[in-house]
Amino acid sequence: MLRFVSAGVRVCCLTVLLCAAWASPPALAGQRHSAEVKKHASRAKTTIRATRRVTIRAAHIEPARPSFGQLAGLHATLDPLALKSSVALVLDQDTHEVLLSKNSQAVLPIASITKLMSAVIVSEAKQPLEQVLTITQDDVDTEKNSRSRLAVGTSQTRGEMLHLALMSSENRAAHALGRNYPGGLDAFVAAMNSKARALGMTDTRYVEPTGLSSDNQSSAHDLATLVNAAYQYPMIRDLSTSQEYEVEIGHRTAQFRNTNGLVRSPSWDIGLQKTGYITEAGRCLVMQASFAGRKLIMVFLDSAGKYSRIGDAERVRRWLTERFIDTPAELPAAAPAAATGTAAMAVHASS
């Protein structure tokens, strides 16, 4: 009797175990299904959040602002060399013969081309180049919030500051030069405008020494005059065409390079140069260069594209080299202003 009961108990227990085993797969499947649903829901929420973040970021992207030249329609002017600069002027430095002119009287922001006049004023002031100047908070750009490798507290000689301003277009260095002028920054800017008037630069106006302000404006014709005047100072020629320069900043050595890559090109013999860029001005470049036995002054303003001003300079160099050395190739005629509905472009043949 006991054996029978014991056997019955064992059968019942076995039945319970088998039922549990049979019931386990669906239960586990249900748990796994629930876990998968939660996982997919979590991923969906993450995707939605990411999508929302992307959408929010995209909503804050602002379109590029046009330059003053673009707003004035100057880029619609056609020219035979297909220049990307809306303003261009090339002339013989010795004879003043104009070889190429495109919107050369248009008055536009000139960005860091301003620093050429700043260099002229520093040179004429004859202050000690060995005097140490210190970057202060006053030299920090609050207009464009541009970056600088010269931290507040950095000390360099006036000569080093001038070198960095001309070669690497260092804004804080240029501002410090003006701030340390006799009479301060206001007197420096007044001297810049006075020099412009003395040179006959009637289209030119300066409000500060760096070029960060779009109120610093001039024409290609006036800037050619400035390049010729600045070229008379050997120090400006040397510093503006220097390829690179190392300076001690605190406990480290920093290397600065020229913003104009053409100074490193064996195809060019550049006696003086300066680049410039702010949104309102576009890409700008002025140079004194010699090739084919002639000294030329080149001005390119409001060029569209990061390397377009360099490309324009190369186009002009190749064209003039062909004219001066190889065969005197004729330029194709510029499209008539009436046909294009734009300002006329003048191309003057060399005699």
Foldseek 3Di string as FASTA:
>chain_A
DVVVVVVVVVVVVVVVVVVCVVPPVVVVVVVVVVVVVVVVVVVVVVVVVVVVVVVVVVVPDDDFDAAQCVVVVLCLFFDLLRALFSWKWKAFLPPRHTFWGHQQQDKWQAFQLLQLLLLVLLVVLPDDQQAKFFQAPVLQDPPPRDDAPRDGGWIDGLLVLNLCCQFVVGSSSQQRSLQPRVVGNVVSLVVSVVVLVVLVQPSFHDDGRRSQDRVGMGGNVSSLSSQSVSLVDQSQQCSNLDAKDWDDTPPDIDIGGGPDPCSVDPVWAWRHKGWGDDNNKATWIWTFTDDLHTTMIMTGIRRPDDCSVVVNVVSVVVLVCCCSPNPNDDRPDGDDCVVSVHDHIDGDHDD
